[in-house]
Amino acid sequence: MTRVTVQDLRASRLCFQGARPWFRRHGLDWQAFLATGLDAEVLRATGDALALRVIAIAEAREAAEAGREPSNG
């Protein structure tokens, strides 16, 4: 299971000022995300296109760390 981290958010070049209220709107804990990250499926469930962008970056990061290509799922 992919874990999305604050580093993935930074790599996606999304605005941190907008991310905090976005988390609040979706009932997600911003502080927990900063501390430990969040399962990609939790973000995917929002259906938000920007969340999907961050998930793709997280999947690519994890694939690179494992020495393999990212999945297209």
PDB file of N, CA and C in Angstrom:
ATOM      1  N   MET A   1       0.857  -1.189   0.000  1.00  0.00           N
ATOM      2  CA  MET A   1       0.000   0.000   0.000  1.00  0.00           C
ATOM      3  C   MET A   1       0.893   1.240   0.000  1.00  0.00           C
ATOM      4  N   THR A   2       0.598   2.144  -0.864  1.00  0.00           N
ATOM      5  CA  THR A   2       1.383   3.378  -0.991  1.00  0.00           C
ATOM      6  C   THR A   2       1.045   4.331   0.141  1.00  0.00           C
ATOM      7  N   ARG A   3       2.080   4.916   0.711  1.00  0.00           N
ATOM      8  CA  ARG A   3       1.927   5.926   1.758  1.00  0.00           C
ATOM      9  C   ARG A   3       2.367   7.257   1.158  1.00  0.00           C
ATOM     10  N   VAL A   4       1.471   8.223   1.165  1.00  0.00           N
ATOM     11  CA  VAL A   4       1.758   9.560   0.647  1.00  0.00           C
ATOM     12  C   VAL A   4       2.328  10.389   1.793  1.00  0.00           C
ATOM     13  N   THR A   5       3.433  11.060   1.529  1.00  0.00           N
ATOM     14  CA  THR A   5       4.105  11.848   2.562  1.00  0.00           C
ATOM     15  C   THR A   5       4.157  13.321   2.176  1.00  0.00           C
ATOM     16  N   VAL A   6       4.565  14.114   3.129  1.00  0.00           N
ATOM     17  CA  VAL A   6       4.709  15.549   2.886  1.00  0.00           C
ATOM     18  C   VAL A   6       5.740  15.797   1.777  1.00  0.00           C
ATOM     19  N   GLN A   7       6.730  14.926   1.650  1.00  0.00           N
ATOM     20  CA  GLN A   7       7.711  15.068   0.573  1.00  0.00           C
ATOM     21  C   GLN A   7       7.047  14.908  -0.792  1.00  0.00           C
ATOM     22  N   ASP A   8       6.057  14.019  -0.861  1.00  0.00           N
ATOM     23  CA  ASP A   8       5.325  13.837  -2.118  1.00  0.00           C
ATOM     24  C   ASP A   8       4.502  15.083  -2.442  1.00  0.00           C
ATOM     25  N   LEU A   9       3.925  15.677  -1.420  1.00  0.00           N
ATOM     26  CA  LEU A   9       3.173  16.916  -1.613  1.00  0.00           C
ATOM     27  C   LEU A   9       4.086  18.009  -2.142  1.00  0.00           C
ATOM     28  N   ARG A  10       5.275  18.118  -1.569  1.00  0.00           N
ATOM     29  CA  ARG A  10       6.255  19.110  -2.041  1.00  0.00           C
ATOM     30  C   ARG A  10       6.661  18.826  -3.483  1.00  0.00           C
ATOM     31  N   ALA A  11       6.917  17.549  -3.774  1.00  0.00           N
ATOM     32  CA  ALA A  11       7.352  17.167  -5.123  1.00  0.00           C
ATOM     33  C   ALA A  11       6.279  17.459  -6.166  1.00  0.00           C
ATOM     34  N   SER A  12       5.020  17.438  -5.748  1.00  0.00           N
ATOM     35  CA  SER A  12       3.936  17.722  -6.688  1.00  0.00           C
ATOM     36  C   SER A  12       3.788  19.212  -6.959  1.00  0.00           C
ATOM     37  N   ARG A  13       4.508  20.011  -6.175  1.00  0.00           N
ATOM     38  CA  ARG A  13       4.523  21.467  -6.308  1.00  0.00           C
ATOM     39  C   ARG A  13       3.153  22.093  -6.022  1.00  0.00           C
ATOM     40  N   LEU A  14       2.395  21.422  -5.135  1.00  0.00           N
ATOM     41  CA  LEU A  14       1.121  21.984  -4.711  1.00  0.00           C
ATOM     42  C   LEU A  14       1.349  22.937  -3.545  1.00  0.00           C
ATOM     43  N   CYS A  15       0.469  23.883  -3.394  1.00  0.00           N
ATOM     44  CA  CYS A  15       0.591  24.936  -2.393  1.00  0.00           C
ATOM     45  C   CYS A  15       0.248  24.417  -0.995  1.00  0.00           C
ATOM     46  N   PHE A  16       1.161  24.599  -0.055  1.00  0.00           N
ATOM     47  CA  PHE A  16       0.917  24.187   1.324  1.00  0.00           C
ATOM     48  C   PHE A  16      -0.200  25.006   1.955  1.00  0.00           C
ATOM     49  N   GLN A  17      -0.313  26.265   1.596  1.00  0.00           N
ATOM     50  CA  GLN A  17      -1.376  27.101   2.161  1.00  0.00           C
ATOM     51  C   GLN A  17      -2.749  26.592   1.760  1.00  0.00           C
ATOM     52  N   GLY A  18      -2.851  26.021   0.589  1.00  0.00           N
ATOM     53  CA  GLY A  18      -4.117  25.455   0.143  1.00  0.00           C
ATOM     54  C   GLY A  18      -4.341  24.041   0.646  1.00  0.00           C
ATOM     55  N   ALA A  19      -3.261  23.327   0.947  1.00  0.00           N
ATOM     56  CA  ALA A  19      -3.378  21.931   1.376  1.00  0.00           C
ATOM     57  C   ALA A  19      -4.031  21.805   2.748  1.00  0.00           C
ATOM     58  N   ARG A  20      -3.670  22.663   3.661  1.00  0.00           N
ATOM     59  CA  ARG A  20      -4.213  22.567   5.020  1.00  0.00           C
ATOM     60  C   ARG A  20      -5.746  22.689   5.018  1.00  0.00           C
ATOM     61  N   PRO A  21      -6.329  23.731   4.384  1.00  0.00           N
ATOM     62  CA  PRO A  21      -7.793  23.792   4.344  1.00  0.00           C
ATOM     63  C   PRO A  21      -8.420  22.644   3.538  1.00  0.00           C
ATOM     64  N   TRP A  22      -7.724  22.167   2.515  1.00  0.00           N
ATOM     65  CA  TRP A  22      -8.217  21.029   1.738  1.00  0.00           C
ATOM     66  C   TRP A  22      -8.360  19.816   2.645  1.00  0.00           C
ATOM     67  N   PHE A  23      -7.357  19.555   3.468  1.00  0.00           N
ATOM     68  CA  PHE A  23      -7.418  18.447   4.422  1.00  0.00           C
ATOM     69  C   PHE A  23      -8.613  18.630   5.358  1.00  0.00           C
ATOM     70  N   ARG A  24      -8.789  19.835   5.863  1.00  0.00           N
ATOM     71  CA  ARG A  24      -9.899  20.124   6.780  1.00  0.00           C
ATOM     72  C   ARG A  24     -11.247  19.856   6.103  1.00  0.00           C
ATOM     73  N   ARG A  25     -11.403  20.332   4.865  1.00  0.00           N
ATOM     74  CA  ARG A  25     -12.659  20.133   4.124  1.00  0.00           C
ATOM     75  C   ARG A  25     -13.000  18.655   3.948  1.00  0.00           C
ATOM     76  N   HIS A  26     -11.961  17.837   3.813  1.00  0.00           N
ATOM     77  CA  HIS A  26     -12.169  16.409   3.593  1.00  0.00           C
ATOM     78  C   HIS A  26     -12.123  15.604   4.888  1.00  0.00           C
ATOM     79  N   GLY A  27     -12.053  16.292   6.028  1.00  0.00           N
ATOM     80  CA  GLY A  27     -12.058  15.602   7.320  1.00  0.00           C
ATOM     81  C   GLY A  27     -10.792  14.821   7.601  1.00  0.00           C
ATOM     82  N   LEU A  28      -9.678  15.266   7.016  1.00  0.00           N
ATOM     83  CA  LEU A  28      -8.392  14.586   7.192  1.00  0.00           C
ATOM     84  C   LEU A  28      -7.515  15.375   8.156  1.00  0.00           C
ATOM     85  N   ASP A  29      -6.694  14.669   8.898  1.00  0.00           N
ATOM     86  CA  ASP A  29      -5.856  15.274   9.927  1.00  0.00           C
ATOM     87  C   ASP A  29      -4.529  15.747   9.323  1.00  0.00           C
ATOM     88  N   TRP A  30      -4.377  17.046   9.180  1.00  0.00           N
ATOM     89  CA  TRP A  30      -3.174  17.646   8.601  1.00  0.00           C
ATOM     90  C   TRP A  30      -1.937  17.323   9.428  1.00  0.00           C
ATOM     91  N   GLN A  31      -2.029  17.434  10.740  1.00  0.00           N
ATOM     92  CA  GLN A  31      -0.869  17.180  11.611  1.00  0.00           C
ATOM     93  C   GLN A  31      -0.418  15.722  11.529  1.00  0.00           C
ATOM     94  N   ALA A  32      -1.368  14.804  11.483  1.00  0.00           N
ATOM     95  CA  ALA A  32      -1.019  13.385  11.337  1.00  0.00           C
ATOM     96  C   ALA A  32      -0.343  13.144   9.991  1.00  0.00           C
ATOM     97  N   PHE A  33      -0.856  13.808   8.952  1.00  0.00           N
ATOM     98  CA  PHE A  33      -0.242  13.681   7.630  1.00  0.00           C
ATOM     99  C   PHE A  33       1.207  14.159   7.665  1.00  0.00           C
ATOM    100  N   LEU A  34       1.445  15.299   8.290  1.00  0.00           N
ATOM    101  CA  LEU A  34       2.809  15.821   8.384  1.00  0.00           C
ATOM    102  C   LEU A  34       3.711  14.860   9.142  1.00  0.00           C
ATOM    103  N   ALA A  35       3.183  14.230  10.174  1.00  0.00           N
ATOM    104  CA  ALA A  35       3.984  13.347  11.022  1.00  0.00           C
ATOM    105  C   ALA A  35       4.247  11.985  10.395  1.00  0.00           C
ATOM    106  N   THR A  36       3.217  11.382   9.785  1.00  0.00           N
ATOM    107  CA  THR A  36       3.365   9.990   9.356  1.00  0.00           C
ATOM    108  C   THR A  36       2.925   9.706   7.932  1.00  0.00           C
ATOM    109  N   GLY A  37       2.355  10.700   7.254  1.00  0.00           N
ATOM    110  CA  GLY A  37       1.834  10.454   5.923  1.00  0.00           C
ATOM    111  C   GLY A  37       0.440   9.873   5.999  1.00  0.00           C
ATOM    112  N   LEU A  38      -0.074   9.464   4.847  1.00  0.00           N
ATOM    113  CA  LEU A  38      -1.448   8.987   4.755  1.00  0.00           C
ATOM    114  C   LEU A  38      -1.518   7.922   3.664  1.00  0.00           C
ATOM    115  N   ASP A  39      -2.313   6.881   3.889  1.00  0.00           N
ATOM    116  CA  ASP A  39      -2.498   5.865   2.860  1.00  0.00           C
ATOM    117  C   ASP A  39      -3.073   6.507   1.603  1.00  0.00           C
ATOM    118  N   ALA A  40      -2.541   6.125   0.466  1.00  0.00           N
ATOM    119  CA  ALA A  40      -2.996   6.680  -0.806  1.00  0.00           C
ATOM    120  C   ALA A  40      -4.489   6.449  -1.006  1.00  0.00           C
ATOM    121  N   GLU A  41      -5.006   5.333  -0.523  1.00  0.00           N
ATOM    122  CA  GLU A  41      -6.423   5.025  -0.735  1.00  0.00           C
ATOM    123  C   GLU A  41      -7.331   6.026  -0.028  1.00  0.00           C
ATOM    124  N   VAL A  42      -6.883   6.568   1.085  1.00  0.00           N
ATOM    125  CA  VAL A  42      -7.663   7.588   1.785  1.00  0.00           C
ATOM    126  C   VAL A  42      -7.770   8.840   0.918  1.00  0.00           C
ATOM    127  N   LEU A  43      -6.657   9.231   0.320  1.00  0.00           N
ATOM    128  CA  LEU A  43      -6.673  10.392  -0.573  1.00  0.00           C
ATOM    129  C   LEU A  43      -7.441  10.089  -1.856  1.00  0.00           C
ATOM    130  N   ARG A  44      -7.255   8.891  -2.391  1.00  0.00           N
ATOM    131  CA  ARG A  44      -7.939   8.513  -3.637  1.00  0.00           C
ATOM    132  C   ARG A  44      -9.457   8.580  -3.457  1.00  0.00           C
ATOM    133  N   ALA A  45      -9.940   8.240  -2.271  1.00  0.00           N
ATOM    134  CA  ALA A  45     -11.376   8.228  -1.985  1.00  0.00           C
ATOM    135  C   ALA A  45     -12.002   9.621  -2.092  1.00  0.00           C
ATOM    136  N   THR A  46     -11.193  10.667  -2.026  1.00  0.00           N
ATOM    137  CA  THR A  46     -11.736  12.019  -2.164  1.00  0.00           C
ATOM    138  C   THR A  46     -12.155  12.290  -3.599  1.00  0.00           C
ATOM    139  N   GLY A  47     -11.566  11.567  -4.558  1.00  0.00           N
ATOM    140  CA  GLY A  47     -11.873  11.780  -5.966  1.00  0.00           C
ATOM    141  C   GLY A  47     -11.271  13.049  -6.536  1.00  0.00           C
ATOM    142  N   ASP A  48     -10.435  13.721  -5.773  1.00  0.00           N
ATOM    143  CA  ASP A  48      -9.858  14.994  -6.182  1.00  0.00           C
ATOM    144  C   ASP A  48      -8.686  14.772  -7.143  1.00  0.00           C
ATOM    145  N   ALA A  49      -8.675  15.502  -8.253  1.00  0.00           N
ATOM    146  CA  ALA A  49      -7.623  15.349  -9.264  1.00  0.00           C
ATOM    147  C   ALA A  49      -6.243  15.692  -8.714  1.00  0.00           C
ATOM    148  N   LEU A  50      -6.162  16.686  -7.841  1.00  0.00           N
ATOM    149  CA  LEU A  50      -4.859  17.039  -7.271  1.00  0.00           C
ATOM    150  C   LEU A  50      -4.367  15.960  -6.318  1.00  0.00           C
ATOM    151  N   ALA A  51      -5.280  15.326  -5.606  1.00  0.00           N
ATOM    152  CA  ALA A  51      -4.897  14.207  -4.736  1.00  0.00           C
ATOM    153  C   ALA A  51      -4.329  13.075  -5.584  1.00  0.00           C
ATOM    154  N   LEU A  52      -4.956  12.824  -6.730  1.00  0.00           N
ATOM    155  CA  LEU A  52      -4.468  11.768  -7.623  1.00  0.00           C
ATOM    156  C   LEU A  52      -3.074  12.097  -8.143  1.00  0.00           C
ATOM    157  N   ARG A  53      -2.813  13.366  -8.357  1.00  0.00           N
ATOM    158  CA  ARG A  53      -1.482  13.804  -8.805  1.00  0.00           C
ATOM    159  C   ARG A  53      -0.421  13.492  -7.744  1.00  0.00           C
ATOM    160  N   VAL A  54      -0.738  13.771  -6.483  1.00  0.00           N
ATOM    161  CA  VAL A  54       0.202  13.497  -5.398  1.00  0.00           C
ATOM    162  C   VAL A  54       0.395  11.994  -5.228  1.00  0.00           C
ATOM    163  N   ILE A  55      -0.682  11.230  -5.374  1.00  0.00           N
ATOM    164  CA  ILE A  55      -0.587   9.770  -5.274  1.00  0.00           C
ATOM    165  C   ILE A  55       0.341   9.228  -6.357  1.00  0.00           C
ATOM    166  N   ALA A  56       0.216   9.725  -7.572  1.00  0.00           N
ATOM    167  CA  ALA A  56       1.083   9.272  -8.663  1.00  0.00           C
ATOM    168  C   ALA A  56       2.546   9.534  -8.341  1.00  0.00           C
ATOM    169  N   ILE A  57       2.828  10.666  -7.745  1.00  0.00           N
ATOM    170  CA  ILE A  57       4.205  10.990  -7.361  1.00  0.00           C
ATOM    171  C   ILE A  57       4.682  10.039  -6.264  1.00  0.00           C
ATOM    172  N   ALA A  58       3.819   9.761  -5.293  1.00  0.00           N
ATOM    173  CA  ALA A  58       4.178   8.836  -4.217  1.00  0.00           C
ATOM    174  C   ALA A  58       4.444   7.437  -4.765  1.00  0.00           C
ATOM    175  N   GLU A  59       3.602   6.991  -5.698  1.00  0.00           N
ATOM    176  CA  GLU A  59       3.798   5.668  -6.295  1.00  0.00           C
ATOM    177  C   GLU A  59       5.112   5.616  -7.072  1.00  0.00           C
ATOM    178  N   ALA A  60       5.426   6.667  -7.802  1.00  0.00           N
ATOM    179  CA  ALA A  60       6.689   6.717  -8.545  1.00  0.00           C
ATOM    180  C   ALA A  60       7.874   6.704  -7.590  1.00  0.00           C
ATOM    181  N   ARG A  61       7.765   7.439  -6.483  1.00  0.00           N
ATOM    182  CA  ARG A  61       8.841   7.467  -5.482  1.00  0.00           C
ATOM    183  C   ARG A  61       9.065   6.076  -4.903  1.00  0.00           C
ATOM    184  N   GLU A  62       7.966   5.423  -4.506  1.00  0.00           N
ATOM    185  CA  GLU A  62       8.089   4.089  -3.928  1.00  0.00           C
ATOM    186  C   GLU A  62       8.648   3.093  -4.933  1.00  0.00           C
ATOM    187  N   ALA A  63       8.240   3.217  -6.192  1.00  0.00           N
ATOM    188  CA  ALA A  63       8.763   2.340  -7.235  1.00  0.00           C
ATOM    189  C   ALA A  63      10.259   2.557  -7.418  1.00  0.00           C
ATOM    190  N   ALA A  64      10.686   3.802  -7.427  1.00  0.00           N
ATOM    191  CA  ALA A  64      12.112   4.108  -7.579  1.00  0.00           C
ATOM    192  C   ALA A  64      12.900   3.573  -6.394  1.00  0.00           C
ATOM    193  N   GLU A  65      12.332   3.704  -5.205  1.00  0.00           N
ATOM    194  CA  GLU A  65      13.004   3.184  -4.008  1.00  0.00           C
ATOM    195  C   GLU A  65      13.134   1.672  -4.056  1.00  0.00           C
ATOM    196  N   ALA A  66      12.154   1.012  -4.680  1.00  0.00           N
ATOM    197  CA  ALA A  66      12.172  -0.443  -4.788  1.00  0.00           C
ATOM    198  C   ALA A  66      12.914  -0.907  -6.041  1.00  0.00           C
ATOM    199  N   GLY A  67      13.328   0.057  -6.877  1.00  0.00           N
ATOM    200  CA  GLY A  67      14.057  -0.282  -8.095  1.00  0.00           C
ATOM    201  C   GLY A  67      13.184  -0.858  -9.182  1.00  0.00           C
ATOM    202  N   ARG A  68      11.941  -0.406  -9.260  1.00  0.00           N
ATOM    203  CA  ARG A  68      11.027  -0.912 -10.290  1.00  0.00           C
ATOM    204  C   ARG A  68      10.223   0.257 -10.860  1.00  0.00           C
ATOM    205  N   GLU A  69       9.497  -0.040 -11.926  1.00  0.00           N
ATOM    206  CA  GLU A  69       8.652   0.968 -12.567  1.00  0.00           C
ATOM    207  C   GLU A  69       7.338   1.111 -11.801  1.00  0.00           C
ATOM    208  N   PRO A  70       6.747   2.328 -11.776  1.00  0.00           N
ATOM    209  CA  PRO A  70       5.457   2.507 -11.117  1.00  0.00           C
ATOM    210  C   PRO A  70       4.339   1.811 -11.883  1.00  0.00           C
ATOM    211  N   SER A  71       3.292   1.402 -11.156  1.00  0.00           N
ATOM    212  CA  SER A  71       2.143   0.764 -11.814  1.00  0.00           C
ATOM    213  C   SER A  71       1.249   1.832 -12.422  1.00  0.00           C
ATOM    214  N   ASN A  72       0.429   1.427 -13.353  1.00  0.00           N
ATOM    215  CA  ASN A  72      -0.515   2.347 -13.973  1.00  0.00           C
ATOM    216  C   ASN A  72      -1.914   2.130 -13.416  1.00  0.00           C
ATOM    217  N   GLY A  73      -2.042   1.665 -12.171  1.00  0.00           N
ATOM    218  CA  GLY A  73      -3.342   1.356 -11.600  1.00  0.00           C
ATOM    219  C   GLY A  73      -3.879   2.478 -10.885  1.00  0.00           C
TER     220      GLY A  73
END
